[in-house]
Amino acid sequence: MTSPDQTSEPDTNDADPGPDNLPGRDEPEIDGTTPTNGSPTRPDGAGDSEELRAVQEAALGSSSQESLLRLLGWRPGDPLPDDGDVPPAGDADDEPDGTDLSTAQPAPDPWAREAVPDVTGGASDPGLLPEAEAEPVVPVNWNTLDADRAEQEWWQLDGFVYWLRDDFGLTPQELPPLWHRHTELVWELSALRTAWLAAHTEDAHPGSPLMWLRDLGDSRRRLRDWVQRCGTTLTEDRPTRRTTWPGEEASKSPAPVAVTDRAADFAVFVTDDVARRRQIEVQAQAEIEQARARRIERLREAWHLPGTHSDDTGQDGDQQEPDTTEQEGTS
């Protein structure tokens, strides 16, 4: 048992050292550098107005305003303060050990006036919506086009032919005015337009336009050959001759047509072609409905189901059949 005389004062060296009493720890310097132990320097007592003012004055003297944010506890990825506000200082434990501020990624300037787009609400912003992808370039099959698509393709091909004639100086021996009345010319010009569209897309090969010019030279030779065969000219159009095979009815020799107004003739031709295609669509739909009705009737017969006509007859028979129950009861 220890006597009161032997009681000694507590040894302060054996007490649990506080954060300010660690051995070998120097006072942090407010210069934005990293100490030798690898942990970033932070101002102690950030809540003190005098020390905070000293930190601000030291940071404002640096080369950038980013130093002020880092000294006061801001890290890359934290929300940026508004104009004139200072981010709060964090605790030393919030910063991971070994972080070197000198090698950290540069943060955006919190005082910048450029607004950052909000990607969370981008669905209602038309400027952030993805652009619609362009339709792929595909060949045109004039034998299977419906009426609406054919009308669109005719006018687009006509615009392409006007451009082709003007930019490359095609002569009537290569491109007659009524080219639309010659199916062989329509297929050639349509293929040439499809190749031009494919060669001038954004993802096309840089050499594609040159390859298209080579195709244009081949097409011009074929166009001259076909125009020469039918004998059409600038002022007089001769329909393409059709060879009659043995066993077929002899075709009449086509009469030449005078070319007076090329644009009006093209509009009439497109109108007639669209009407013809619509008539084919109506007939095809009617044939589909008839075939469907015949198939349903065959299924009814195979499954011994009552048809529509028999159902109506049965209902009428039920209505016309006299009710003899009451008569028998009264008798």
C-alpha atoms as a PDB file:
ATOM      1  CA  MET A   1       0.000   0.000   0.000  1.00  0.00           C
ATOM      2  CA  THR A   2       1.370   3.274  -0.991  1.00  0.00           C
ATOM      3  CA  SER A   3       1.577   6.043   1.520  1.00  0.00           C
ATOM      4  CA  PRO A   4       0.529   9.585   0.833  1.00  0.00           C
ATOM      5  CA  ASP A   5       4.117  10.648   0.992  1.00  0.00           C
ATOM      6  CA  GLN A   6       5.069   8.239  -1.744  1.00  0.00           C
ATOM      7  CA  THR A   7       2.334   9.503  -4.080  1.00  0.00           C
ATOM      8  CA  SER A   8       3.912  11.090  -7.128  1.00  0.00           C
ATOM      9  CA  GLU A   9       2.595  13.317  -9.810  1.00  0.00           C
ATOM     10  CA  PRO A  10       1.245  11.525 -12.915  1.00  0.00           C
ATOM     11  CA  ASP A  11       3.794  11.168 -15.669  1.00  0.00           C
ATOM     12  CA  THR A  12       2.580  13.064 -18.648  1.00  0.00           C
ATOM     13  CA  ASN A  13       4.887  11.088 -20.917  1.00  0.00           C
ATOM     14  CA  ASP A  14       2.962   7.856 -20.164  1.00  0.00           C
ATOM     15  CA  ALA A  15      -0.407   9.390 -20.966  1.00  0.00           C
ATOM     16  CA  ASP A  16      -2.110   8.711 -24.271  1.00  0.00           C
ATOM     17  CA  PRO A  17      -0.632  11.286 -26.588  1.00  0.00           C
ATOM     18  CA  GLY A  18      -3.157  13.477 -28.323  1.00  0.00           C
ATOM     19  CA  PRO A  19      -3.067  14.392 -31.983  1.00  0.00           C
ATOM     20  CA  ASP A  20      -0.989  17.477 -31.177  1.00  0.00           C
ATOM     21  CA  ASN A  21       1.486  15.596 -28.953  1.00  0.00           C
ATOM     22  CA  LEU A  22       2.613  12.904 -31.344  1.00  0.00           C
ATOM     23  CA  PRO A  23       6.383  12.569 -31.400  1.00  0.00           C
ATOM     24  CA  GLY A  24       8.122  13.836 -34.444  1.00  0.00           C
ATOM     25  CA  ARG A  25       5.076  15.743 -35.747  1.00  0.00           C
ATOM     26  CA  ASP A  26       5.701  19.247 -36.961  1.00  0.00           C
ATOM     27  CA  GLU A  27       3.259  22.014 -37.302  1.00  0.00           C
ATOM     28  CA  PRO A  28       1.592  21.917 -40.714  1.00  0.00           C
ATOM     29  CA  GLU A  29       2.510  24.611 -43.122  1.00  0.00           C
ATOM     30  CA  ILE A  30      -0.223  26.374 -45.040  1.00  0.00           C
ATOM     31  CA  ASP A  31       1.438  26.245 -48.452  1.00  0.00           C
ATOM     32  CA  GLY A  32      -0.468  23.461 -50.264  1.00  0.00           C
ATOM     33  CA  THR A  33       2.433  20.976 -50.038  1.00  0.00           C
ATOM     34  CA  THR A  34       2.472  17.404 -48.749  1.00  0.00           C
ATOM     35  CA  PRO A  35       4.387  16.522 -45.537  1.00  0.00           C
ATOM     36  CA  THR A  36       6.976  13.764 -45.367  1.00  0.00           C
ATOM     37  CA  ASN A  37       4.571  11.202 -43.863  1.00  0.00           C
ATOM     38  CA  GLY A  38       2.468  11.243 -47.061  1.00  0.00           C
ATOM     39  CA  SER A  39      -0.778  12.703 -45.596  1.00  0.00           C
ATOM     40  CA  PRO A  40      -2.089  15.937 -47.075  1.00  0.00           C
ATOM     41  CA  THR A  41      -1.729  19.120 -45.098  1.00  0.00           C
ATOM     42  CA  ARG A  42      -4.944  20.620 -43.776  1.00  0.00           C
ATOM     43  CA  PRO A  43      -5.484  23.748 -41.652  1.00  0.00           C
ATOM     44  CA  ASP A  44      -6.242  22.885 -38.054  1.00  0.00           C
ATOM     45  CA  GLY A  45      -9.065  24.748 -36.410  1.00  0.00           C
ATOM     46  CA  ALA A  46     -10.760  25.660 -39.657  1.00  0.00           C
ATOM     47  CA  GLY A  47     -13.645  27.003 -37.661  1.00  0.00           C
ATOM     48  CA  ASP A  48     -11.475  29.727 -36.160  1.00  0.00           C
ATOM     49  CA  SER A  49     -12.078  32.925 -38.086  1.00  0.00           C
ATOM     50  CA  GLU A  50      -8.499  34.215 -37.672  1.00  0.00           C
ATOM     51  CA  GLU A  51      -6.839  31.033 -38.898  1.00  0.00           C
ATOM     52  CA  LEU A  52      -9.394  30.713 -41.738  1.00  0.00           C
ATOM     53  CA  ARG A  53      -8.650  34.264 -42.831  1.00  0.00           C
ATOM     54  CA  ALA A  54      -4.908  33.480 -42.779  1.00  0.00           C
ATOM     55  CA  VAL A  55      -5.509  30.404 -44.907  1.00  0.00           C
ATOM     56  CA  GLN A  56      -7.577  32.390 -47.397  1.00  0.00           C
ATOM     57  CA  GLU A  57      -4.956  35.108 -47.657  1.00  0.00           C
ATOM     58  CA  ALA A  58      -2.216  32.542 -48.199  1.00  0.00           C
ATOM     59  CA  ALA A  59      -4.265  30.681 -50.829  1.00  0.00           C
ATOM     60  CA  LEU A  60      -5.320  33.821 -52.704  1.00  0.00           C
ATOM     61  CA  GLY A  61      -1.685  34.592 -53.225  1.00  0.00           C
ATOM     62  CA  SER A  62      -1.155  31.311 -55.105  1.00  0.00           C
ATOM     63  CA  SER A  63      -1.363  30.879 -58.840  1.00  0.00           C
ATOM     64  CA  SER A  64      -4.885  29.442 -58.931  1.00  0.00           C
ATOM     65  CA  GLN A  65      -8.057  29.389 -56.877  1.00  0.00           C
ATOM     66  CA  GLU A  66      -7.938  25.612 -56.791  1.00  0.00           C
ATOM     67  CA  SER A  67      -5.325  25.780 -54.010  1.00  0.00           C
ATOM     68  CA  LEU A  68      -7.837  27.472 -51.729  1.00  0.00           C
ATOM     69  CA  LEU A  69     -10.343  24.672 -52.250  1.00  0.00           C
ATOM     70  CA  ARG A  70      -7.791  21.953 -51.570  1.00  0.00           C
ATOM     71  CA  LEU A  71      -6.493  23.653 -48.415  1.00  0.00           C
ATOM     72  CA  LEU A  72     -10.016  24.004 -47.048  1.00  0.00           C
ATOM     73  CA  GLY A  73     -10.825  20.314 -47.483  1.00  0.00           C
ATOM     74  CA  TRP A  74     -12.280  20.142 -51.013  1.00  0.00           C
ATOM     75  CA  ARG A  75     -11.460  17.042 -53.046  1.00  0.00           C
ATOM     76  CA  PRO A  76     -12.002  16.276 -56.743  1.00  0.00           C
ATOM     77  CA  GLY A  77     -15.524  14.896 -57.105  1.00  0.00           C
ATOM     78  CA  ASP A  78     -17.065  16.974 -54.283  1.00  0.00           C
ATOM     79  CA  PRO A  79     -19.886  19.372 -55.239  1.00  0.00           C
ATOM     80  CA  LEU A  80     -18.630  22.761 -56.292  1.00  0.00           C
ATOM     81  CA  PRO A  81     -19.581  25.850 -54.254  1.00  0.00           C
ATOM     82  CA  ASP A  82     -21.644  28.686 -55.605  1.00  0.00           C
ATOM     83  CA  ASP A  83     -20.062  31.960 -56.612  1.00  0.00           C
ATOM     84  CA  GLY A  84     -18.520  33.647 -53.562  1.00  0.00           C
ATOM     85  CA  ASP A  85     -18.971  30.645 -51.239  1.00  0.00           C
ATOM     86  CA  VAL A  86     -16.137  28.767 -49.605  1.00  0.00           C
ATOM     87  CA  PRO A  87     -16.390  24.973 -49.101  1.00  0.00           C
ATOM     88  CA  PRO A  88     -16.257  23.794 -45.464  1.00  0.00           C
ATOM     89  CA  ALA A  89     -13.048  22.333 -44.122  1.00  0.00           C
ATOM     90  CA  GLY A  90     -13.107  18.586 -43.553  1.00  0.00           C
ATOM     91  CA  ASP A  91     -11.486  16.421 -40.950  1.00  0.00           C
ATOM     92  CA  ALA A  92      -8.045  14.978 -41.421  1.00  0.00           C
ATOM     93  CA  ASP A  93      -9.469  11.441 -41.261  1.00  0.00           C
ATOM     94  CA  ASP A  94     -11.641  12.083 -44.352  1.00  0.00           C
ATOM     95  CA  GLU A  95      -8.591  12.308 -46.575  1.00  0.00           C
ATOM     96  CA  PRO A  96      -7.035   8.927 -47.462  1.00  0.00           C
ATOM     97  CA  ASP A  97      -3.460   8.388 -46.366  1.00  0.00           C
ATOM     98  CA  GLY A  98      -0.770   8.729 -48.981  1.00  0.00           C
ATOM     99  CA  THR A  99      -2.670  11.165 -51.214  1.00  0.00           C
ATOM    100  CA  ASP A 100      -0.341  13.463 -53.076  1.00  0.00           C
ATOM    101  CA  LEU A 101      -2.093  16.668 -53.982  1.00  0.00           C
ATOM    102  CA  SER A 102       0.649  17.603 -56.395  1.00  0.00           C
ATOM    103  CA  THR A 103      -0.185  14.606 -58.605  1.00  0.00           C
ATOM    104  CA  ALA A 104      -3.966  14.739 -58.199  1.00  0.00           C
ATOM    105  CA  GLN A 105      -6.148  15.339 -61.248  1.00  0.00           C
ATOM    106  CA  PRO A 106      -6.972  19.018 -61.806  1.00  0.00           C
ATOM    107  CA  ALA A 107     -10.476  19.970 -60.775  1.00  0.00           C
ATOM    108  CA  PRO A 108     -12.775  22.292 -62.717  1.00  0.00           C
ATOM    109  CA  ASP A 109     -12.858  25.927 -61.762  1.00  0.00           C
ATOM    110  CA  PRO A 110     -15.771  26.401 -59.312  1.00  0.00           C
ATOM    111  CA  TRP A 111     -16.133  30.016 -60.417  1.00  0.00           C
ATOM    112  CA  ALA A 112     -16.522  29.128 -64.091  1.00  0.00           C
ATOM    113  CA  ARG A 113     -19.668  30.513 -65.718  1.00  0.00           C
ATOM    114  CA  GLU A 114     -20.221  27.542 -68.030  1.00  0.00           C
ATOM    115  CA  ALA A 115     -23.187  25.491 -66.895  1.00  0.00           C
ATOM    116  CA  VAL A 116     -22.730  21.750 -66.573  1.00  0.00           C
ATOM    117  CA  PRO A 117     -25.563  19.799 -68.259  1.00  0.00           C
ATOM    118  CA  ASP A 118     -27.717  17.733 -65.933  1.00  0.00           C
ATOM    119  CA  VAL A 119     -27.614  14.224 -67.308  1.00  0.00           C
ATOM    120  CA  THR A 120     -30.195  12.984 -64.829  1.00  0.00           C
ATOM    121  CA  GLY A 121     -32.930  15.091 -66.367  1.00  0.00           C
ATOM    122  CA  GLY A 122     -31.755  14.783 -69.939  1.00  0.00           C
ATOM    123  CA  ALA A 123     -34.802  12.827 -71.058  1.00  0.00           C
ATOM    124  CA  SER A 124     -36.890  16.002 -71.178  1.00  0.00           C
ATOM    125  CA  ASP A 125     -34.191  18.049 -72.896  1.00  0.00           C
ATOM    126  CA  PRO A 126     -34.416  17.637 -76.694  1.00  0.00           C
ATOM    127  CA  GLY A 127     -30.810  18.760 -77.066  1.00  0.00           C
ATOM    128  CA  LEU A 128     -29.550  15.720 -75.146  1.00  0.00           C
ATOM    129  CA  LEU A 129     -31.680  13.132 -76.969  1.00  0.00           C
ATOM    130  CA  PRO A 130     -29.832  10.824 -79.359  1.00  0.00           C
ATOM    131  CA  GLU A 131     -30.063  11.781 -82.991  1.00  0.00           C
ATOM    132  CA  ALA A 132     -32.202   9.655 -85.238  1.00  0.00           C
ATOM    133  CA  GLU A 133     -30.170   7.285 -87.317  1.00  0.00           C
ATOM    134  CA  ALA A 134     -30.275   7.769 -91.047  1.00  0.00           C
ATOM    135  CA  GLU A 135     -32.002   5.116 -93.115  1.00  0.00           C
ATOM    136  CA  PRO A 136     -29.623   2.735 -94.850  1.00  0.00           C
ATOM    137  CA  VAL A 137     -29.138   3.053 -98.583  1.00  0.00           C
ATOM    138  CA  VAL A 138     -30.798   0.107-100.329  1.00  0.00           C
ATOM    139  CA  PRO A 139     -31.449  -0.575-104.019  1.00  0.00           C
ATOM    140  CA  VAL A 140     -34.895   0.251-105.398  1.00  0.00           C
ATOM    141  CA  ASN A 141     -36.937  -2.618-106.808  1.00  0.00           C
ATOM    142  CA  TRP A 142     -39.439  -0.951-109.110  1.00  0.00           C
ATOM    143  CA  ASN A 143     -41.390  -4.201-109.567  1.00  0.00           C
ATOM    144  CA  THR A 144     -42.410  -4.474-105.896  1.00  0.00           C
ATOM    145  CA  LEU A 145     -42.913  -0.847-104.839  1.00  0.00           C
ATOM    146  CA  ASP A 146     -46.289   0.125-103.455  1.00  0.00           C
ATOM    147  CA  ALA A 147     -48.081   3.241-104.671  1.00  0.00           C
ATOM    148  CA  ASP A 148     -46.876   5.636-101.978  1.00  0.00           C
ATOM    149  CA  ARG A 149     -43.249   4.521-102.112  1.00  0.00           C
ATOM    150  CA  ALA A 150     -43.254   4.565-105.924  1.00  0.00           C
ATOM    151  CA  GLU A 151     -44.479   8.153-106.030  1.00  0.00           C
ATOM    152  CA  GLN A 152     -41.720   9.220-103.646  1.00  0.00           C
ATOM    153  CA  GLU A 153     -39.018   7.345-105.563  1.00  0.00           C
ATOM    154  CA  TRP A 154     -40.131   8.737-108.917  1.00  0.00           C
ATOM    155  CA  TRP A 155     -39.766  12.354-107.855  1.00  0.00           C
ATOM    156  CA  GLN A 156     -36.451  11.736-106.087  1.00  0.00           C
ATOM    157  CA  LEU A 157     -35.064   9.993-109.164  1.00  0.00           C
ATOM    158  CA  ASP A 158     -36.272  12.852-111.351  1.00  0.00           C
ATOM    159  CA  GLY A 159     -34.368  15.367-109.233  1.00  0.00           C
ATOM    160  CA  PHE A 160     -31.245  13.222-109.437  1.00  0.00           C
ATOM    161  CA  VAL A 161     -31.509  13.006-113.240  1.00  0.00           C
ATOM    162  CA  TYR A 162     -31.816  16.804-113.528  1.00  0.00           C
ATOM    163  CA  TRP A 163     -28.690  17.203-111.412  1.00  0.00           C
ATOM    164  CA  LEU A 164     -26.866  14.560-113.433  1.00  0.00           C
ATOM    165  CA  ARG A 165     -27.717  16.224-116.734  1.00  0.00           C
ATOM    166  CA  ASP A 166     -26.660  19.693-115.602  1.00  0.00           C
ATOM    167  CA  ASP A 167     -23.444  18.813-113.723  1.00  0.00           C
ATOM    168  CA  PHE A 168     -22.064  16.289-116.226  1.00  0.00           C
ATOM    169  CA  GLY A 169     -23.523  17.688-119.444  1.00  0.00           C
ATOM    170  CA  LEU A 170     -25.285  14.529-120.620  1.00  0.00           C
ATOM    171  CA  THR A 171     -26.486  14.768-124.220  1.00  0.00           C
ATOM    172  CA  PRO A 172     -29.880  13.589-125.574  1.00  0.00           C
ATOM    173  CA  GLN A 173     -28.043  10.600-127.084  1.00  0.00           C
ATOM    174  CA  GLU A 174     -27.221   9.559-123.506  1.00  0.00           C
ATOM    175  CA  LEU A 175     -30.234  10.903-121.625  1.00  0.00           C
ATOM    176  CA  PRO A 176     -33.364  11.636-123.681  1.00  0.00           C
ATOM    177  CA  PRO A 177     -36.117  13.879-122.238  1.00  0.00           C
ATOM    178  CA  LEU A 178     -38.641  11.065-121.845  1.00  0.00           C
ATOM    179  CA  TRP A 179     -36.247   8.663-120.152  1.00  0.00           C
ATOM    180  CA  HIS A 180     -38.979   7.735-117.673  1.00  0.00           C
ATOM    181  CA  ARG A 181     -40.914   5.934-120.444  1.00  0.00           C
ATOM    182  CA  HIS A 182     -38.011   3.538-121.065  1.00  0.00           C
ATOM    183  CA  THR A 183     -37.688   0.890-118.369  1.00  0.00           C
ATOM    184  CA  GLU A 184     -34.088   0.068-119.290  1.00  0.00           C
ATOM    185  CA  LEU A 185     -33.107   3.697-118.713  1.00  0.00           C
ATOM    186  CA  VAL A 186     -35.066   3.832-115.450  1.00  0.00           C
ATOM    187  CA  TRP A 187     -33.203   0.818-114.026  1.00  0.00           C
ATOM    188  CA  GLU A 188     -29.821   2.215-115.078  1.00  0.00           C
ATOM    189  CA  LEU A 189     -30.429   5.689-113.673  1.00  0.00           C
ATOM    190  CA  SER A 190     -31.940   4.317-110.459  1.00  0.00           C
ATOM    191  CA  ALA A 191     -28.896   2.095-109.885  1.00  0.00           C
ATOM    192  CA  LEU A 192     -26.614   5.048-110.568  1.00  0.00           C
ATOM    193  CA  ARG A 193     -28.461   7.134-107.983  1.00  0.00           C
ATOM    194  CA  THR A 194     -28.260   4.374-105.352  1.00  0.00           C
ATOM    195  CA  ALA A 195     -24.506   4.054-105.933  1.00  0.00           C
ATOM    196  CA  TRP A 196     -24.083   7.828-105.615  1.00  0.00           C
ATOM    197  CA  LEU A 197     -25.944   7.869-102.269  1.00  0.00           C
ATOM    198  CA  ALA A 198     -23.856   4.993-100.917  1.00  0.00           C
ATOM    199  CA  ALA A 199     -20.599   6.620-102.060  1.00  0.00           C
ATOM    200  CA  HIS A 200     -21.316   9.963-100.370  1.00  0.00           C
ATOM    201  CA  THR A 201     -22.441   8.911 -96.901  1.00  0.00           C
ATOM    202  CA  GLU A 202     -20.492   9.997 -93.824  1.00  0.00           C
ATOM    203  CA  ASP A 203     -19.064   6.524 -93.194  1.00  0.00           C
ATOM    204  CA  ALA A 204     -18.223   5.828 -96.854  1.00  0.00           C
ATOM    205  CA  HIS A 205     -14.667   5.085 -97.940  1.00  0.00           C
ATOM    206  CA  PRO A 206     -12.763   8.196 -99.098  1.00  0.00           C
ATOM    207  CA  GLY A 207     -12.218   6.563-102.479  1.00  0.00           C
ATOM    208  CA  SER A 208     -15.911   5.789-103.016  1.00  0.00           C
ATOM    209  CA  PRO A 209     -16.666   8.996-104.985  1.00  0.00           C
ATOM    210  CA  LEU A 210     -13.870   8.172-107.410  1.00  0.00           C
ATOM    211  CA  MET A 211     -15.247   4.670-107.885  1.00  0.00           C
ATOM    212  CA  TRP A 212     -18.679   6.176-108.564  1.00  0.00           C
ATOM    213  CA  LEU A 213     -17.203   8.359-111.312  1.00  0.00           C
ATOM    214  CA  ARG A 214     -15.843   5.207-112.929  1.00  0.00           C
ATOM    215  CA  ASP A 215     -19.308   3.654-112.735  1.00  0.00           C
ATOM    216  CA  LEU A 216     -20.707   6.800-114.309  1.00  0.00           C
ATOM    217  CA  GLY A 217     -18.451   6.317-117.329  1.00  0.00           C
ATOM    218  CA  ASP A 218     -19.711   2.746-117.772  1.00  0.00           C
ATOM    219  CA  SER A 219     -23.318   3.880-117.368  1.00  0.00           C
ATOM    220  CA  ARG A 220     -22.958   6.550-120.036  1.00  0.00           C
ATOM    221  CA  ARG A 221     -21.772   3.961-122.542  1.00  0.00           C
ATOM    222  CA  ARG A 222     -24.740   1.727-121.767  1.00  0.00           C
ATOM    223  CA  LEU A 223     -27.137   4.673-121.978  1.00  0.00           C
ATOM    224  CA  ARG A 224     -25.858   5.616-125.451  1.00  0.00           C
ATOM    225  CA  ASP A 225     -26.315   2.044-126.628  1.00  0.00           C
ATOM    226  CA  TRP A 226     -29.904   1.805-125.405  1.00  0.00           C
ATOM    227  CA  VAL A 227     -30.919   5.198-126.766  1.00  0.00           C
ATOM    228  CA  GLN A 228     -29.451   4.316-130.140  1.00  0.00           C
ATOM    229  CA  ARG A 229     -31.403   1.041-130.252  1.00  0.00           C
ATOM    230  CA  CYS A 230     -34.790   2.641-129.616  1.00  0.00           C
ATOM    231  CA  GLY A 231     -34.095   5.667-131.840  1.00  0.00           C
ATOM    232  CA  THR A 232     -35.471   8.327-129.506  1.00  0.00           C
ATOM    233  CA  THR A 233     -34.284  11.927-129.979  1.00  0.00           C
ATOM    234  CA  LEU A 234     -34.553  15.300-128.289  1.00  0.00           C
ATOM    235  CA  THR A 235     -37.867  16.217-129.959  1.00  0.00           C
ATOM    236  CA  GLU A 236     -39.309  12.796-130.780  1.00  0.00           C
ATOM    237  CA  ASP A 237     -39.570   9.820-128.485  1.00  0.00           C
ATOM    238  CA  ARG A 238     -39.767   6.288-129.822  1.00  0.00           C
ATOM    239  CA  PRO A 239     -40.791   3.589-127.345  1.00  0.00           C
ATOM    240  CA  THR A 240     -38.441   0.696-126.849  1.00  0.00           C
ATOM    241  CA  ARG A 241     -39.018  -2.086-129.350  1.00  0.00           C
ATOM    242  CA  ARG A 242     -40.174  -5.410-127.965  1.00  0.00           C
ATOM    243  CA  THR A 243     -39.145  -8.631-129.667  1.00  0.00           C
ATOM    244  CA  THR A 244     -41.986 -11.070-130.345  1.00  0.00           C
ATOM    245  CA  TRP A 245     -41.093 -14.703-129.720  1.00  0.00           C
ATOM    246  CA  PRO A 246     -42.642 -17.580-131.609  1.00  0.00           C
ATOM    247  CA  GLY A 247     -46.086 -18.462-130.270  1.00  0.00           C
ATOM    248  CA  GLU A 248     -46.817 -14.923-129.055  1.00  0.00           C
ATOM    249  CA  GLU A 249     -49.074 -12.385-130.633  1.00  0.00           C
ATOM    250  CA  ALA A 250     -47.272  -9.991-132.891  1.00  0.00           C
ATOM    251  CA  SER A 251     -46.855  -6.621-131.229  1.00  0.00           C
ATOM    252  CA  LYS A 252     -47.681  -3.462-133.094  1.00  0.00           C
ATOM    253  CA  SER A 253     -44.917  -1.114-134.049  1.00  0.00           C
ATOM    254  CA  PRO A 254     -44.846   1.737-131.499  1.00  0.00           C
ATOM    255  CA  ALA A 255     -45.649   5.127-132.952  1.00  0.00           C
ATOM    256  CA  PRO A 256     -43.251   7.991-132.208  1.00  0.00           C
ATOM    257  CA  VAL A 257     -44.415  10.675-129.762  1.00  0.00           C
ATOM    258  CA  ALA A 258     -43.541  14.349-130.118  1.00  0.00           C
ATOM    259  CA  VAL A 259     -41.825  15.825-127.074  1.00  0.00           C
ATOM    260  CA  THR A 260     -43.391  19.208-126.270  1.00  0.00           C
ATOM    261  CA  ASP A 261     -43.367  19.588-122.460  1.00  0.00           C
ATOM    262  CA  ARG A 262     -41.126  17.156-120.683  1.00  0.00           C
ATOM    263  CA  ALA A 263     -42.113  18.143-117.108  1.00  0.00           C
ATOM    264  CA  ALA A 264     -45.835  17.825-117.810  1.00  0.00           C
ATOM    265  CA  ASP A 265     -45.325  14.429-119.414  1.00  0.00           C
ATOM    266  CA  PHE A 266     -43.405  13.231-116.379  1.00  0.00           C
ATOM    267  CA  ALA A 267     -46.168  14.371-113.989  1.00  0.00           C
ATOM    268  CA  VAL A 268     -48.823  12.560-116.049  1.00  0.00           C
ATOM    269  CA  PHE A 269     -46.657   9.453-116.201  1.00  0.00           C
ATOM    270  CA  VAL A 270     -46.142   9.361-112.431  1.00  0.00           C
ATOM    271  CA  THR A 271     -49.866   9.882-111.788  1.00  0.00           C
ATOM    272  CA  ASP A 272     -50.786   7.010-114.084  1.00  0.00           C
ATOM    273  CA  ASP A 273     -48.146   4.729-112.571  1.00  0.00           C
ATOM    274  CA  VAL A 274     -49.298   5.444-109.018  1.00  0.00           C
ATOM    275  CA  ALA A 275     -52.935   4.822-109.975  1.00  0.00           C
ATOM    276  CA  ARG A 276     -51.969   1.549-111.639  1.00  0.00           C
ATOM    277  CA  ARG A 277     -50.124   0.402-108.535  1.00  0.00           C
ATOM    278  CA  ARG A 278     -53.060   1.320-106.289  1.00  0.00           C
ATOM    279  CA  GLN A 279     -55.388  -0.709-108.494  1.00  0.00           C
ATOM    280  CA  ILE A 280     -53.053  -3.676-108.183  1.00  0.00           C
ATOM    281  CA  GLU A 281     -53.036  -3.279-104.407  1.00  0.00           C
ATOM    282  CA  VAL A 282     -56.852  -3.227-104.289  1.00  0.00           C
ATOM    283  CA  GLN A 283     -57.110  -6.321-106.449  1.00  0.00           C
ATOM    284  CA  ALA A 284     -54.483  -8.124-104.395  1.00  0.00           C
ATOM    285  CA  GLN A 285     -56.293  -7.280-101.154  1.00  0.00           C
ATOM    286  CA  ALA A 286     -59.585  -8.522-102.599  1.00  0.00           C
ATOM    287  CA  GLU A 287     -57.950 -11.783-103.654  1.00  0.00           C
ATOM    288  CA  ILE A 288     -56.497 -12.188-100.163  1.00  0.00           C
ATOM    289  CA  GLU A 289     -59.929 -11.724 -98.584  1.00  0.00           C
ATOM    290  CA  GLN A 290     -61.500 -14.226-100.976  1.00  0.00           C
ATOM    291  CA  ALA A 291     -58.802 -16.780-100.301  1.00  0.00           C
ATOM    292  CA  ARG A 292     -59.272 -16.280 -96.567  1.00  0.00           C
ATOM    293  CA  ALA A 293     -63.033 -16.773 -96.822  1.00  0.00           C
ATOM    294  CA  ARG A 294     -62.581 -19.970 -98.858  1.00  0.00           C
ATOM    295  CA  ARG A 295     -60.090 -21.319 -96.341  1.00  0.00           C
ATOM    296  CA  ILE A 296     -62.460 -20.658 -93.434  1.00  0.00           C
ATOM    297  CA  GLU A 297     -65.280 -22.373 -95.296  1.00  0.00           C
ATOM    298  CA  ARG A 298     -63.121 -25.443 -95.924  1.00  0.00           C
ATOM    299  CA  LEU A 299     -62.193 -25.574 -92.241  1.00  0.00           C
ATOM    300  CA  ARG A 300     -65.862 -25.408 -91.241  1.00  0.00           C
ATOM    301  CA  GLU A 301     -66.675 -28.270 -93.534  1.00  0.00           C
ATOM    302  CA  ALA A 302     -63.741 -30.353 -92.331  1.00  0.00           C
ATOM    303  CA  TRP A 303     -64.640 -29.811 -88.661  1.00  0.00           C
ATOM    304  CA  HIS A 304     -68.417 -30.083 -89.287  1.00  0.00           C
ATOM    305  CA  LEU A 305     -69.053 -26.624 -87.934  1.00  0.00           C
ATOM    306  CA  PRO A 306     -72.183 -24.690 -88.844  1.00  0.00           C
ATOM    307  CA  GLY A 307     -71.548 -22.027 -91.431  1.00  0.00           C
ATOM    308  CA  THR A 308     -72.791 -18.475 -91.400  1.00  0.00           C
ATOM    309  CA  HIS A 309     -75.639 -19.241 -93.795  1.00  0.00           C
ATOM    310  CA  SER A 310     -76.851 -22.253 -91.764  1.00  0.00           C
ATOM    311  CA  ASP A 311     -76.774 -20.223 -88.541  1.00  0.00           C
ATOM    312  CA  ASP A 312     -78.989 -17.559 -90.059  1.00  0.00           C
ATOM    313  CA  THR A 313     -81.383 -20.194 -91.397  1.00  0.00           C
ATOM    314  CA  GLY A 314     -81.555 -21.891 -88.010  1.00  0.00           C
ATOM    315  CA  GLN A 315     -82.377 -18.631 -86.275  1.00  0.00           C
ATOM    316  CA  ASP A 316     -85.097 -17.837 -88.776  1.00  0.00           C
ATOM    317  CA  GLY A 317     -86.490 -21.365 -88.413  1.00  0.00           C
ATOM    318  CA  ASP A 318     -86.634 -21.008 -84.643  1.00  0.00           C
ATOM    319  CA  GLN A 319     -88.575 -17.788 -84.982  1.00  0.00           C
ATOM    320  CA  GLN A 320     -91.068 -19.192 -87.520  1.00  0.00           C
ATOM    321  CA  GLU A 321     -91.664 -22.544 -85.715  1.00  0.00           C
ATOM    322  CA  PRO A 322     -95.038 -22.344 -83.925  1.00  0.00           C
ATOM    323  CA  ASP A 323     -95.172 -22.993 -80.230  1.00  0.00           C
ATOM    324  CA  THR A 324     -97.573 -25.944 -79.749  1.00  0.00           C
ATOM    325  CA  THR A 325     -96.970 -26.369 -76.025  1.00  0.00           C
ATOM    326  CA  GLU A 326     -99.720 -23.985 -74.962  1.00  0.00           C
ATOM    327  CA  GLN A 327    -102.174 -25.424 -77.476  1.00  0.00           C
ATOM    328  CA  GLU A 328    -101.641 -28.976 -76.161  1.00  0.00           C
ATOM    329  CA  GLY A 329    -102.136 -27.799 -72.588  1.00  0.00           C
ATOM    330  CA  THR A 330    -105.409 -26.056 -73.307  1.00  0.00           C
ATOM    331  CA  SER A 331    -106.756 -28.974 -75.222  1.00  0.00           C
END
